[in-house]
Every structure is written in C-alpha cells, then in structure tokens.
C-alpha atoms as a PDB file:
ATOM      1  CA  MET A   1       0.000   0.000   0.000  1.00  0.00           C
ATOM      2  CA  THR A   2       1.338   3.429  -0.921  1.00  0.00           C
ATOM      3  CA  ILE A   3       1.242   6.421   1.405  1.00  0.00           C
ATOM      4  CA  ASP A   4      -1.540   7.995  -0.667  1.00  0.00           C
ATOM      5  CA  GLU A   5      -3.555   4.756  -0.541  1.00  0.00           C
ATOM      6  CA  ALA A   6      -3.081   4.508   3.228  1.00  0.00           C
ATOM      7  CA  LEU A   7      -4.105   8.132   3.780  1.00  0.00           C
ATOM      8  CA  GLU A   8      -7.162   7.665   1.564  1.00  0.00           C
ATOM      9  CA  ARG A   9      -8.196   4.537   3.473  1.00  0.00           C
ATOM     10  CA  LEU A  10      -7.669   6.275   6.824  1.00  0.00           C
ATOM     11  CA  SER A  11      -9.758   9.247   5.676  1.00  0.00           C
ATOM     12  CA  ARG A  12     -12.773   6.922   5.390  1.00  0.00           C
ATOM     13  CA  SER A  13     -12.570   6.087   9.108  1.00  0.00           C
ATOM     14  CA  LYS A  14     -14.668   8.489  11.167  1.00  0.00           C
ATOM     15  CA  PHE A  15     -12.301   8.108  14.128  1.00  0.00           C
ATOM     16  CA  ARG A  16      -9.013   8.444  12.185  1.00  0.00           C
ATOM     17  CA  ALA A  17     -10.348  11.368  10.131  1.00  0.00           C
ATOM     18  CA  SER A  18     -11.269  13.261  13.305  1.00  0.00           C
ATOM     19  CA  PHE A  19      -7.627  14.110  14.075  1.00  0.00           C
ATOM     20  CA  HIS A  20      -6.243  17.430  12.856  1.00  0.00           C
ATOM     21  CA  LEU A  21      -3.318  19.646  13.732  1.00  0.00           C
ATOM     22  CA  LYS A  22      -4.324  22.529  15.951  1.00  0.00           C
ATOM     23  CA  GLU A  23      -2.937  26.068  15.843  1.00  0.00           C
ATOM     24  CA  LYS A  24      -0.582  25.207  18.712  1.00  0.00           C
ATOM     25  CA  ASP A  25       0.798  22.281  16.659  1.00  0.00           C
ATOM     26  CA  ILE A  26       1.298  24.510  13.611  1.00  0.00           C
ATOM     27  CA  GLN A  27       3.189  27.026  15.763  1.00  0.00           C
ATOM     28  CA  TYR A  28       5.345  24.234  17.200  1.00  0.00           C
ATOM     29  CA  ILE A  29       6.205  23.042  13.683  1.00  0.00           C
ATOM     30  CA  ASP A  30       6.999  26.617  12.646  1.00  0.00           C
ATOM     31  CA  GLU A  31       9.329  26.993  15.655  1.00  0.00           C
ATOM     32  CA  LYS A  32      11.115  23.649  15.327  1.00  0.00           C
ATOM     33  CA  GLY A  33      11.007  22.998  11.579  1.00  0.00           C
ATOM     34  CA  MET A  34      10.080  19.807   9.726  1.00  0.00           C
ATOM     35  CA  ASP A  35      13.540  18.265  10.116  1.00  0.00           C
ATOM     36  CA  THR A  36      13.215  18.375  13.909  1.00  0.00           C
ATOM     37  CA  ILE A  37       9.656  17.044  13.751  1.00  0.00           C
ATOM     38  CA  ARG A  38      10.933  14.137  11.634  1.00  0.00           C
ATOM     39  CA  ARG A  39      13.664  13.392  14.203  1.00  0.00           C
ATOM     40  CA  HIS A  40      11.062  13.411  16.963  1.00  0.00           C
ATOM     41  CA  CYS A  41       8.929  11.093  14.862  1.00  0.00           C
ATOM     42  CA  GLU A  42      11.825   8.687  14.334  1.00  0.00           C
ATOM     43  CA  ASP A  43      12.555   8.718  18.074  1.00  0.00           C
ATOM     44  CA  PHE A  44       8.919   8.098  19.072  1.00  0.00           C
ATOM     45  CA  VAL A  45       8.559   5.225  16.603  1.00  0.00           C
ATOM     46  CA  ARG A  46      11.870   3.646  17.612  1.00  0.00           C
ATOM     47  CA  GLU A  47      11.309   3.980  21.356  1.00  0.00           C
ATOM     48  CA  ARG A  48       7.555   3.561  21.763  1.00  0.00           C
ATOM     49  CA  LEU A  49       6.443   1.404  18.834  1.00  0.00           C
ATOM     50  CA  ALA A  50       9.361  -0.651  17.506  1.00  0.00           C
ATOM     51  CA  PRO A  51      10.024  -2.950  20.485  1.00  0.00           C
ATOM     52  CA  ALA A  52       8.396  -6.381  20.283  1.00  0.00           C
ATOM     53  CA  GLU A  53       6.528  -5.611  23.496  1.00  0.00           C
ATOM     54  CA  PRO A  54       6.362  -1.836  23.957  1.00  0.00           C
ATOM     55  CA  GLU A  55       5.889  -0.512  27.460  1.00  0.00           C
ATOM     56  CA  LYS A  56       2.214   0.318  28.114  1.00  0.00           C
ATOM     57  CA  ASP A  57       1.241  -0.935  24.642  1.00  0.00           C
ATOM     58  CA  GLY A  58      -2.119   0.479  23.681  1.00  0.00           C
ATOM     59  CA  LYS A  59      -1.626   3.464  25.975  1.00  0.00           C
ATOM     60  CA  GLN A  60       1.843   4.677  25.005  1.00  0.00           C
ATOM     61  CA  THR A  61       0.725   7.471  22.662  1.00  0.00           C
ATOM     62  CA  PRO A  62      -0.937  10.554  24.166  1.00  0.00           C
ATOM     63  CA  MET A  63      -3.892  12.055  22.294  1.00  0.00           C
ATOM     64  CA  LYS A  64      -2.306  15.529  22.267  1.00  0.00           C
ATOM     65  CA  GLY A  65       0.857  17.413  23.116  1.00  0.00           C
ATOM     66  CA  HIS A  66       2.916  16.879  19.949  1.00  0.00           C
ATOM     67  CA  PRO A  67       2.084  16.866  16.219  1.00  0.00           C
ATOM     68  CA  VAL A  68       3.531  13.352  15.907  1.00  0.00           C
ATOM     69  CA  PHE A  69       1.123  12.010  18.543  1.00  0.00           C
ATOM     70  CA  LEU A  70      -1.837  13.296  16.534  1.00  0.00           C
ATOM     71  CA  ALA A  71      -0.367  11.811  13.362  1.00  0.00           C
ATOM     72  CA  GLN A  72       0.099   8.457  15.066  1.00  0.00           C
ATOM     73  CA  HIS A  73      -3.586   8.308  15.975  1.00  0.00           C
ATOM     74  CA  ALA A  74      -4.732   9.650  12.607  1.00  0.00           C
ATOM     75  CA  CYS A  75      -2.600   7.059  10.799  1.00  0.00           C
ATOM     76  CA  ALA A  76      -3.312   4.088  13.107  1.00  0.00           C
ATOM     77  CA  CYS A  77       0.351   3.950  14.137  1.00  0.00           C
ATOM     78  CA  CYS A  78      -0.275   4.604  17.818  1.00  0.00           C
ATOM     79  CA  CYS A  79       0.154   1.065  19.157  1.00  0.00           C
ATOM     80  CA  ARG A  80       0.938  -2.437  18.008  1.00  0.00           C
ATOM     81  CA  GLY A  81      -2.758  -3.376  18.000  1.00  0.00           C
ATOM     82  CA  CYS A  82      -3.583  -0.639  15.489  1.00  0.00           C
ATOM     83  CA  LEU A  83      -0.529  -1.482  13.376  1.00  0.00           C
ATOM     84  CA  ASN A  84      -1.710  -5.072  13.256  1.00  0.00           C
ATOM     85  CA  LYS A  85      -5.333  -4.209  12.483  1.00  0.00           C
ATOM     86  CA  TRP A  86      -4.623  -1.627   9.786  1.00  0.00           C
ATOM     87  CA  TYR A  87      -1.359  -2.844   8.256  1.00  0.00           C
ATOM     88  CA  ARG A  88      -1.050  -6.490   9.365  1.00  0.00           C
ATOM     89  CA  VAL A  89       2.199  -5.785  11.222  1.00  0.00           C
ATOM     90  CA  PRO A  90       2.662  -8.758  13.557  1.00  0.00           C
ATOM     91  CA  LYS A  91       2.486  -8.107  17.272  1.00  0.00           C
ATOM     92  CA  GLN A  92       5.311  -9.209  19.568  1.00  0.00           C
ATOM     93  CA  THR A  93       7.893  -8.860  16.795  1.00  0.00           C
ATOM     94  CA  GLU A  94      10.391  -6.000  16.804  1.00  0.00           C
ATOM     95  CA  LEU A  95       9.866  -3.591  13.924  1.00  0.00           C
ATOM     96  CA  THR A  96      12.635  -3.654  11.355  1.00  0.00           C
ATOM     97  CA  PRO A  97      14.416  -0.433  10.360  1.00  0.00           C
ATOM     98  CA  LEU A  98      12.512  -0.539   7.041  1.00  0.00           C
ATOM     99  CA  GLN A  99       9.156  -0.869   8.813  1.00  0.00           C
ATOM    100  CA  GLN A 100      10.079   2.026  11.084  1.00  0.00           C
ATOM    101  CA  GLU A 101      11.060   4.154   8.086  1.00  0.00           C
ATOM    102  CA  LYS A 102       7.756   3.411   6.340  1.00  0.00           C
ATOM    103  CA  ILE A 103       5.800   4.390   9.449  1.00  0.00           C
ATOM    104  CA  VAL A 104       7.790   7.613   9.820  1.00  0.00           C
ATOM    105  CA  ASN A 105       7.227   8.439   6.135  1.00  0.00           C
ATOM    106  CA  LEU A 106       3.468   7.911   6.524  1.00  0.00           C
ATOM    107  CA  LEU A 107       3.302  10.028   9.677  1.00  0.00           C
ATOM    108  CA  MET A 108       5.318  12.816   8.105  1.00  0.00           C
ATOM    109  CA  ALA A 109       3.137  12.769   4.981  1.00  0.00           C
ATOM    110  CA  TRP A 110       0.058  13.206   7.182  1.00  0.00           C
ATOM    111  CA  ILE A 111       1.717  16.030   9.140  1.00  0.00           C
ATOM    112  CA  LEU A 112       2.798  17.790   5.946  1.00  0.00           C
ATOM    113  CA  ARG A 113      -0.702  17.579   4.437  1.00  0.00           C
ATOM    114  CA  GLU A 114      -2.272  18.903   7.625  1.00  0.00           C
ATOM    115  CA  TYR A 115       0.324  21.643   7.908  1.00  0.00           C
ATOM    116  CA  ASN A 116      -0.169  22.783   4.311  1.00  0.00           C
ATOM    117  CA  GLN A 117      -3.979  22.791   4.706  1.00  0.00           C
ATOM    118  CA  ASN A 118      -3.670  25.076   7.720  1.00  0.00           C
ATOM    119  CA  LYS A 119      -1.187  27.566   6.237  1.00  0.00           C
END
C-alpha cells in the first residue's frame, strides 16, 4: 500500500479522520522545523512502537501534546494493536528499520498535508 492509498483509506474512518493539527501544533512546527519534527517522529517510533513488546502498549501514545502524537492516531500507528489491524504488522515482533522508516514516512506525509492545509 502506498502512502496515498493509506491516507485515503484512513480518511474513510470516522475516528481516524477526526484528528487534525491545531494552531498550537502549527506554531510548534513553525518553531522547530520539519527536520526536527521528523527526528522526533523517528525517536517516538523507535522507542515507543518498535520494540516487540512496547511498554504500556495500547496506551503509550498521548492524544495531544505533539504533532507526531496526533499523526500516530490519525494514521493508526499509535500502538501495536492498530498497526496489526490496519497494516497487518505482527504483534510481539520488533519492527525492522525498514518498517520504522515506512511508518515515519506515513506520519510525516500526514503532518505535511495537515500543515499545508492550515497555512
């Protein structure tokens, strides 16, 4: 599935489509820049999602507080259960670097679309 196909599929979910960047998120992106947001995204995915058994799985991603957190919920990349349901990523298996990169690329695509729609 391509990023565009994934975003289209997610947009048909009432829950996933309900997430949007807020003005505070836009300001944070403006302050930090997209490169920093991407680094944060890579860190969050590596630390909170990539382990075979993430700490507090299912509750590790806050619903607000960082643009990446919103993207994770909007893109069903917030926990291993959602990754399994939406993308058939096996639970209890560490994510490979390629899987992590694909997740980061999807999250950043969502953030960029949201950012551009709000500018």
